[in-house]
Protein backbone atom coordinates (compact mmCIF):
# COMPACT_ATOMS: atom_id res chain seq x y z
CA MET A 1 153.28 -115.04 -29.11
CA ALA A 2 151.63 -112.00 -30.64
CA SER A 3 154.36 -111.87 -33.28
CA GLU A 4 153.86 -115.39 -34.25
CA GLY A 5 150.05 -115.11 -34.56
CA LYS A 6 150.65 -111.99 -36.75
CA GLU A 7 153.10 -113.91 -39.29
CA LYS A 8 150.70 -116.79 -39.22
CA VAL A 9 147.47 -114.55 -40.22
CA LEU A 10 149.20 -112.26 -42.62
CA ALA A 11 150.45 -115.69 -44.38
CA GLY A 12 147.11 -116.93 -44.29
CA PHE A 13 145.58 -113.72 -45.69
CA ALA A 14 148.31 -113.60 -48.73
CA GLU A 15 147.13 -117.27 -49.34
CA SER A 16 143.55 -116.59 -49.84
CA PHE A 17 143.57 -113.48 -51.10
CA GLY A 18 146.78 -113.08 -53.22
CA ASP A 19 149.12 -110.32 -51.13
CA THR A 20 149.16 -108.30 -47.97
CA GLU A 21 149.60 -104.88 -49.65
CA GLY A 22 147.65 -102.30 -47.02
CA VAL A 23 146.49 -104.94 -44.59
CA ARG A 24 146.38 -104.17 -41.10
CA VAL A 25 146.04 -107.09 -38.20
CA PHE A 26 144.04 -106.94 -35.11
CA PHE A 27 144.09 -109.00 -32.01
CA ALA A 28 141.63 -109.86 -29.27
CA PRO A 29 142.04 -112.19 -26.27
CA GLY A 30 140.25 -115.40 -25.02
CA ARG A 31 139.51 -115.75 -21.23
CA VAL A 32 139.37 -117.96 -18.48
CA ASN A 33 137.07 -117.36 -16.02
CA LEU A 34 138.33 -117.76 -12.38
CA ILE A 35 135.31 -118.07 -10.46
CA GLY A 36 131.58 -117.43 -10.91
CA GLU A 37 130.32 -119.61 -13.61
CA HIS A 38 127.08 -119.24 -15.18
CA THR A 39 126.11 -116.55 -12.83
CA ASP A 40 126.23 -113.90 -15.88
CA TYR A 41 122.87 -114.41 -17.22
CA ASN A 42 121.30 -114.65 -13.81
CA GLY A 43 122.62 -111.15 -12.57
CA GLY A 44 125.49 -112.41 -10.50
CA HIS A 45 129.15 -111.51 -10.36
CA VAL A 46 131.92 -112.98 -12.30
CA PHE A 47 135.48 -112.83 -12.34
CA PRO A 48 137.20 -113.66 -15.53
CA CYS A 49 140.51 -112.50 -17.12
CA ALA A 50 141.67 -112.03 -20.56
CA LEU A 51 144.53 -114.31 -21.42
CA ASP A 52 147.67 -113.72 -23.43
CA ILE A 53 146.23 -116.34 -26.50
CA GLY A 54 143.72 -115.26 -28.76
CA CYS A 55 142.15 -114.53 -32.00
CA TYR A 56 144.15 -112.57 -35.08
CA ALA A 57 142.11 -110.82 -37.72
CA ALA A 58 144.11 -109.57 -40.94
CA VAL A 59 141.70 -107.13 -42.80
CA ARG A 60 141.66 -105.19 -46.10
CA LYS A 61 138.94 -102.86 -47.53
CA ARG A 62 137.54 -103.66 -50.85
CA GLU A 63 135.75 -101.32 -53.36
CA ASP A 64 132.57 -103.29 -53.39
CA ARG A 65 130.09 -104.31 -50.91
CA THR A 66 131.49 -107.63 -50.61
CA LEU A 67 132.72 -109.54 -47.43
CA ARG A 68 135.31 -112.46 -47.90
CA PHE A 69 136.13 -114.40 -44.90
CA ALA A 70 139.01 -117.16 -44.63
CA SER A 71 140.28 -119.16 -41.58
CA VAL A 72 144.09 -120.12 -41.26
CA ASN A 73 142.48 -122.97 -38.65
CA ILE A 74 140.06 -124.27 -40.74
CA PRO A 75 141.70 -124.20 -44.48
CA ARG A 76 139.40 -126.71 -45.78
CA ALA A 77 136.49 -124.39 -45.12
CA GLY A 78 137.68 -122.17 -48.15
CA ILE A 79 136.79 -118.65 -48.57
CA THR A 80 133.02 -117.57 -47.32
CA GLU A 81 131.63 -114.79 -49.46
CA VAL A 82 128.49 -112.73 -48.82
CA GLU A 83 126.97 -109.22 -49.55
CA ILE A 84 126.95 -106.68 -46.93
CA ASP A 85 123.25 -106.27 -47.96
CA ASP A 86 122.51 -109.90 -47.89
CA LEU A 87 123.50 -110.47 -44.15
CA ASP A 88 120.07 -110.83 -42.72
CA SER A 89 119.71 -114.36 -44.60
CA ALA A 90 123.08 -115.19 -45.12
CA ARG A 91 123.47 -117.69 -41.62
CA THR A 92 124.65 -120.84 -42.52
CA GLY A 93 125.69 -122.28 -38.93
CA LYS A 94 129.39 -122.34 -39.91
CA TRP A 95 132.24 -120.46 -38.02
CA ALA A 96 132.06 -117.13 -40.49
CA ASP A 97 128.45 -116.30 -38.90
CA TYR A 98 130.73 -114.73 -36.10
CA PRO A 99 132.15 -112.14 -37.77
CA LYS A 100 129.34 -111.86 -40.15
CA GLY A 101 126.89 -111.23 -37.10
CA VAL A 102 129.27 -108.56 -35.98
CA VAL A 103 128.95 -106.70 -39.10
CA TRP A 104 125.22 -107.43 -39.01
CA ALA A 105 124.78 -106.05 -35.42
CA PHE A 106 126.97 -102.92 -36.23
CA GLU A 107 124.67 -102.20 -39.11
CA GLY A 108 121.64 -102.53 -36.96
CA ARG A 109 122.80 -99.70 -34.75
CA GLY A 110 123.48 -97.58 -37.63
CA PHE A 111 127.18 -97.88 -38.33
CA LYS A 112 126.80 -98.45 -42.02
CA LEU A 113 129.72 -99.89 -43.93
CA ASP A 114 130.59 -98.04 -46.92
CA ARG A 115 132.52 -101.03 -48.64
CA GLY A 116 133.14 -104.41 -47.85
CA PHE A 117 136.65 -106.14 -46.87
CA ASP A 118 138.63 -109.46 -46.96
CA MET A 119 139.59 -110.76 -43.41
CA ALA A 120 141.58 -113.89 -42.60
CA ILE A 121 141.15 -115.33 -39.15
CA TYR A 122 143.61 -117.13 -37.05
CA GLY A 123 143.44 -118.49 -33.34
CA ASP A 124 146.02 -119.77 -30.86
CA ILE A 125 143.22 -120.62 -28.62
CA PRO A 126 142.40 -124.61 -28.84
CA ASN A 127 139.15 -124.99 -30.27
CA GLY A 128 136.26 -125.98 -28.30
CA ALA A 129 138.41 -125.72 -25.04
CA GLY A 130 135.81 -123.07 -23.40
CA LEU A 131 138.40 -120.41 -23.42
CA SER A 132 136.12 -118.07 -25.39
CA SER A 133 137.12 -118.43 -28.91
CA SER A 134 134.06 -117.29 -30.18
CA ALA A 135 133.83 -113.96 -28.03
CA ALA A 136 137.58 -113.17 -28.94
CA LEU A 137 136.51 -113.70 -32.67
CA GLU A 138 133.44 -111.25 -31.92
CA VAL A 139 135.51 -108.89 -30.48
CA VAL A 140 138.70 -108.83 -32.69
CA THR A 141 136.00 -108.37 -35.71
CA GLY A 142 134.37 -105.44 -33.73
CA TYR A 143 137.57 -103.60 -32.95
CA ALA A 144 138.74 -103.99 -36.60
CA LEU A 145 135.45 -102.62 -37.92
CA ARG A 146 135.71 -99.67 -35.47
CA ALA A 147 139.42 -98.75 -36.71
CA LEU A 148 138.76 -99.45 -40.50
CA TYR A 149 135.57 -97.34 -40.70
CA GLY A 150 136.17 -94.76 -38.22
CA PHE A 151 133.58 -95.80 -35.84
CA ASP A 152 135.20 -93.85 -33.00
CA GLN A 153 132.40 -93.28 -30.85
CA VAL A 154 132.08 -97.10 -30.04
CA THR A 155 133.74 -97.81 -26.84
CA ASN A 156 135.37 -100.84 -26.07
CA GLN A 157 132.81 -101.71 -23.68
CA ASP A 158 130.21 -101.34 -26.65
CA LEU A 159 131.99 -103.83 -28.46
CA ALA A 160 131.64 -106.46 -25.74
CA PHE A 161 127.82 -105.82 -25.90
CA ILE A 162 127.67 -105.77 -29.94
CA GLY A 163 129.56 -109.18 -29.74
CA GLN A 164 126.89 -110.54 -27.01
CA TYR A 165 123.83 -109.13 -29.00
CA SER A 166 125.15 -110.84 -32.27
CA GLU A 167 125.93 -114.10 -30.66
CA ASN A 168 122.32 -114.06 -29.10
CA ASN A 169 120.61 -112.67 -32.06
CA TYR A 170 122.49 -113.85 -35.29
CA ASN A 171 123.92 -116.97 -34.04
CA GLY A 172 121.17 -118.48 -31.36
CA MET A 173 123.51 -118.92 -28.45
CA ASN A 174 121.92 -117.32 -25.75
CA CYS A 175 124.95 -116.42 -24.06
CA GLY A 176 125.81 -114.05 -21.01
CA ILE A 177 127.94 -110.87 -21.31
CA MET A 178 131.07 -112.32 -19.49
CA ASP A 179 133.03 -113.65 -22.20
CA GLN A 180 132.95 -110.80 -24.63
CA PHE A 181 133.47 -108.11 -21.56
CA ALA A 182 136.54 -110.20 -20.61
CA SER A 183 137.97 -109.98 -24.13
CA ALA A 184 137.22 -106.41 -24.79
CA MET A 185 138.29 -104.79 -21.28
CA GLY A 186 141.04 -107.29 -20.51
CA LYS A 187 143.92 -106.08 -18.21
CA GLU A 188 147.35 -107.57 -17.91
CA ASN A 189 147.87 -109.19 -14.59
CA ASN A 190 144.25 -108.34 -13.29
CA ALA A 191 140.79 -110.18 -13.46
CA ILE A 192 137.55 -108.49 -13.91
CA PHE A 193 135.18 -108.35 -10.90
CA LEU A 194 132.09 -107.51 -12.85
CA ASP A 195 128.57 -107.28 -11.60
CA THR A 196 126.38 -108.13 -14.54
CA ASN A 197 123.23 -107.10 -12.74
CA THR A 198 124.65 -103.36 -12.87
CA MET A 199 127.71 -103.52 -15.43
CA VAL A 200 129.48 -101.96 -12.60
CA PHE A 201 133.21 -103.43 -12.67
CA GLU A 202 136.71 -103.18 -11.20
CA TYR A 203 140.03 -104.15 -11.94
CA ALA A 204 141.30 -106.88 -9.23
CA PRO A 205 145.32 -107.44 -9.44
CA VAL A 206 145.82 -111.43 -9.35
CA LYS A 207 148.92 -111.73 -7.32
CA LEU A 208 150.03 -115.15 -8.11
CA ASP A 209 153.56 -115.07 -6.06
CA GLY A 210 155.16 -118.21 -6.54
CA MET A 211 151.96 -119.62 -8.20
CA LYS A 212 150.99 -120.30 -11.71
CA LEU A 213 147.71 -120.58 -13.67
CA VAL A 214 147.37 -124.05 -15.26
CA ILE A 215 144.75 -124.65 -17.77
CA THR A 216 144.32 -128.33 -18.40
CA ASN A 217 142.16 -129.23 -21.59
CA THR A 218 139.88 -132.46 -21.22
CA ASN A 219 140.00 -132.52 -25.30
CA LYS A 220 136.55 -133.31 -25.13
CA LYS A 221 135.03 -131.07 -27.29
CA HIS A 222 132.03 -129.04 -26.59
CA SER A 223 129.17 -127.29 -28.53
CA LEU A 224 126.97 -125.02 -26.26
CA VAL A 225 124.57 -123.97 -29.09
CA ASP A 226 123.22 -127.41 -29.16
CA SER A 227 124.06 -128.52 -25.79
CA GLU A 228 122.16 -128.00 -22.60
CA TYR A 229 122.95 -124.47 -22.26
CA ASN A 230 120.11 -122.91 -23.24
CA ALA A 231 118.18 -125.50 -21.17
CA ARG A 232 119.94 -124.18 -18.00
CA ARG A 233 118.80 -120.42 -18.91
CA ALA A 234 115.28 -121.68 -19.11
CA GLN A 235 115.42 -123.38 -16.08
CA CYS A 236 116.94 -120.41 -13.91
CA ALA A 237 114.07 -118.21 -15.47
CA GLN A 238 111.69 -120.52 -14.27
CA ALA A 239 113.08 -120.73 -10.89
CA LEU A 240 113.06 -116.72 -10.65
CA LYS A 241 109.63 -116.41 -11.61
CA ASP A 242 108.83 -118.95 -8.66
CA MET A 243 110.90 -116.60 -6.49
CA GLN A 244 109.17 -113.51 -7.50
CA ALA A 245 106.33 -114.63 -5.90
CA ARG A 246 107.73 -113.48 -2.65
CA TYR A 247 110.90 -111.42 -3.46
CA ASP A 248 110.98 -107.99 -5.54
CA ILE A 249 113.58 -109.42 -7.68
CA LYS A 250 114.77 -109.03 -11.26
CA ALA A 251 117.60 -111.70 -11.11
CA LEU A 252 118.52 -114.68 -8.73
CA GLY A 253 121.82 -113.05 -8.19
CA GLU A 254 120.14 -110.21 -6.09
CA LEU A 255 119.26 -112.91 -3.43
CA SER A 256 121.51 -113.70 -0.29
CA ILE A 257 122.14 -117.44 0.66
CA GLU A 258 119.46 -116.93 3.56
CA GLU A 259 116.99 -115.32 1.32
CA PHE A 260 116.97 -118.54 -1.21
CA GLU A 261 116.99 -121.03 1.90
CA GLU A 262 114.05 -119.25 2.96
CA GLY A 263 112.19 -119.17 -0.07
CA LYS A 264 113.57 -122.23 -1.93
CA ASP A 265 110.39 -124.30 -1.41
CA LEU A 266 108.53 -121.59 -3.64
CA ILE A 267 110.69 -123.23 -6.59
CA THR A 268 108.23 -126.53 -7.36
CA ASP A 269 110.67 -128.33 -9.59
CA PRO A 270 113.54 -129.95 -7.95
CA VAL A 271 115.81 -129.52 -11.01
CA CYS A 272 114.98 -125.90 -11.32
CA ARG A 273 115.76 -125.37 -7.28
CA ARG A 274 118.99 -127.14 -7.77
CA ARG A 275 119.91 -124.65 -10.80
CA ALA A 276 118.79 -121.59 -8.79
CA LYS A 277 121.06 -122.94 -5.59
CA HIS A 278 123.99 -123.04 -8.01
CA ALA A 279 123.61 -119.32 -9.28
CA VAL A 280 123.20 -117.85 -6.00
CA TYR A 281 125.58 -119.77 -3.76
CA GLU A 282 128.12 -119.39 -6.57
CA ASN A 283 127.39 -115.45 -6.89
CA GLN A 284 128.40 -114.98 -3.09
CA ARG A 285 131.31 -117.49 -3.35
CA THR A 286 132.71 -114.94 -6.12
CA ILE A 287 131.99 -112.14 -4.22
CA GLN A 288 133.85 -113.79 -1.26
CA ALA A 289 136.89 -115.00 -3.48
CA VAL A 290 137.61 -111.37 -4.70
CA GLN A 291 137.65 -110.06 -1.01
CA ALA A 292 140.20 -113.17 -0.31
CA LEU A 293 142.46 -112.30 -3.41
CA LYS A 294 142.27 -108.66 -1.75
CA ASP A 295 143.24 -109.79 1.68
CA GLY A 296 146.23 -111.49 0.09
CA ASP A 297 144.39 -115.08 1.16
CA ILE A 298 144.95 -117.27 -2.28
CA GLU A 299 144.15 -120.56 0.11
CA LYS A 300 140.84 -119.20 0.80
CA PHE A 301 140.37 -118.20 -2.98
CA GLY A 302 141.55 -122.00 -4.01
CA LYS A 303 138.80 -123.65 -1.63
CA LEU A 304 136.32 -121.44 -3.09
CA MET A 305 137.01 -122.57 -6.61
CA ASN A 306 136.84 -126.13 -5.29
CA GLN A 307 133.03 -125.84 -3.98
CA SER A 308 132.38 -123.89 -7.23
CA HIS A 309 133.33 -127.17 -9.06
CA VAL A 310 131.57 -129.33 -6.93
CA SER A 311 128.15 -127.02 -7.44
CA LEU A 312 129.00 -127.12 -11.10
CA ARG A 313 129.12 -130.89 -10.94
CA ASP A 314 125.98 -131.50 -8.54
CA ASP A 315 123.77 -128.55 -8.61
CA TYR A 316 123.99 -127.16 -12.05
CA GLU A 317 125.26 -130.46 -13.99
CA THR A 318 127.61 -128.57 -16.67
CA SER A 319 130.37 -130.54 -15.55
CA CYS A 320 131.30 -134.03 -17.28
CA PRO A 321 133.45 -137.04 -16.31
CA GLU A 322 136.69 -136.21 -17.98
CA ALA A 323 136.95 -132.32 -16.21
CA ASP A 324 135.74 -134.21 -12.53
CA ILE A 325 138.51 -136.65 -13.36
CA LEU A 326 140.99 -133.53 -13.74
CA ALA A 327 139.75 -131.74 -10.98
CA GLU A 328 139.70 -134.74 -8.35
CA GLU A 329 143.02 -135.61 -9.33
CA ALA A 330 144.27 -132.18 -8.80
CA TRP A 331 142.56 -131.83 -5.27
CA LYS A 332 144.97 -134.57 -4.18
CA LEU A 333 147.88 -132.82 -4.71
CA PRO A 334 149.57 -130.77 -1.87
CA GLY A 335 151.11 -128.07 -4.47
CA VAL A 336 147.20 -127.19 -5.85
CA LEU A 337 145.67 -124.39 -4.23
CA GLY A 338 142.05 -124.70 -6.30
CA SER A 339 141.01 -126.52 -9.37
CA ARG A 340 137.53 -126.28 -11.14
CA ILE A 341 135.83 -126.59 -14.53
CA THR A 342 135.93 -123.07 -16.20
CA GLY A 343 133.41 -121.92 -18.87
CA GLY A 344 130.06 -123.29 -20.05
CA GLY A 345 130.84 -126.62 -19.48
CA PHE A 346 130.01 -129.94 -21.01
CA GLY A 347 133.82 -130.39 -21.85
CA GLY A 348 136.31 -127.81 -22.29
CA CYS A 349 139.08 -127.10 -19.47
CA THR A 350 139.67 -126.93 -15.67
CA VAL A 351 141.69 -124.10 -14.05
CA SER A 352 144.07 -124.70 -11.56
CA ILE A 353 146.37 -122.42 -9.05
CA VAL A 354 149.56 -124.53 -8.55
CA LYS A 355 152.54 -123.46 -6.80
CA ASN A 356 155.28 -122.98 -9.23
CA GLU A 357 157.60 -126.10 -7.90
CA GLU A 358 154.76 -128.29 -8.11
CA VAL A 359 153.93 -127.46 -11.77
CA GLN A 360 155.65 -130.34 -13.40
CA GLU A 361 154.48 -132.82 -10.77
CA PHE A 362 150.98 -131.55 -11.41
CA ILE A 363 151.43 -132.60 -15.34
CA ASP A 364 153.47 -135.69 -14.61
CA ARG A 365 150.68 -136.98 -11.89
CA ILE A 366 147.40 -135.92 -13.82
CA GLY A 367 148.45 -136.64 -17.20
CA PRO A 368 148.70 -140.46 -17.06
CA VAL A 369 145.67 -140.99 -14.55
CA TYR A 370 143.59 -139.03 -17.02
CA ARG A 371 144.67 -141.20 -20.02
CA GLU A 372 144.18 -144.33 -18.15
CA LYS A 373 140.80 -143.66 -17.19
CA VAL A 374 139.79 -141.79 -20.24
CA GLY A 375 141.62 -143.37 -22.96
CA TYR A 376 143.40 -140.10 -24.70
CA ASP A 377 145.54 -137.46 -23.44
CA ALA A 378 144.87 -134.09 -21.52
CA SER A 379 146.75 -131.02 -22.67
CA PHE A 380 148.14 -128.47 -20.46
CA TYR A 381 149.00 -124.66 -20.80
CA LEU A 382 150.59 -122.17 -18.52
CA LEU A 383 149.05 -119.15 -19.70
CA GLY A 384 149.43 -115.50 -18.68
CA ILE A 385 146.88 -112.68 -17.84
CA GLY A 386 146.86 -110.10 -20.76
CA ASN A 387 145.28 -107.18 -22.07
CA GLY A 388 142.43 -106.55 -24.10
CA PRO A 389 142.23 -106.00 -27.92
CA CYS A 390 144.72 -104.15 -29.98
CA GLU A 391 146.29 -103.18 -33.44
CA LEU A 392 149.41 -105.02 -34.19
């Protein structure tokens, strides 16, 4: 896949900027979260892995202070041009705000660019699928800046924080750290068990012997910035405030299930109470799921995935009818160990663990039911767990 992506982004660069003399090409992966959804901004645990698809950037330095951005995926958008010194007021709400925001965040941390660059971007992540195309774009931009401008003291972990900071403060999307961390810190055949409260993490091998990770795209576009995402954060913040009347905590993720059940009546708003319930229970599910994986108990892992979907559907209300159909149809098939909506929600994808010999049956059975109920097709992807960012 990498060679194809590299060719496409170089062709796009040549088309937009004339030739590819002196161009360097970088890659950062998308991610799928196996379990631990909407826990990252609640100080809980997450368990994402990097994918073998992602975002490619072809970049070349210029002699002036101009930045130019072009997207192979959105050719009609043309070339976006901005001066380094005008970044603060250059937000447009368009795709190029993501790489612009990363440059802005680097500059804000004292990593000054001596001159500008031309950048072409190509992504093989399905757009709006909830597989973190924006985080991959932020991380690949940061990785390229480090390589091109000699910012060697910036670690991959720093790239994750810079990406999150730029998305929060330049793009107005109040996301947690998970997506950027998974992209920046990915490791082949491993998922990342990350405590977002302490940022302590470990790699856990994902041994799917005789099984595949199947990602099914609802093909219902989701846009998180103007969706309910920021509202969920506010509801959890309110629930936390209510719980702090009794508990000395800084995040909902610090609560055990028993503590939550004992103190939940402190949360006066029933909606905020349901949101908090999800945050607490999902965090504990994630801890249990990683232990199950270490114990080789994939069946238990799958059951916890199913419970996660139900909680996202009923308590957190970030699922959607399309994803519910995909998950519920998957649960009916004996070859499916677990299936759940993944990512921010309100559209996007489900992730399922399916026995190898049942994968075709999974597609053959679920595809037509989905089309009949929804009126258009779902897309199915068999993806591998890949490494973090690199220069190609």
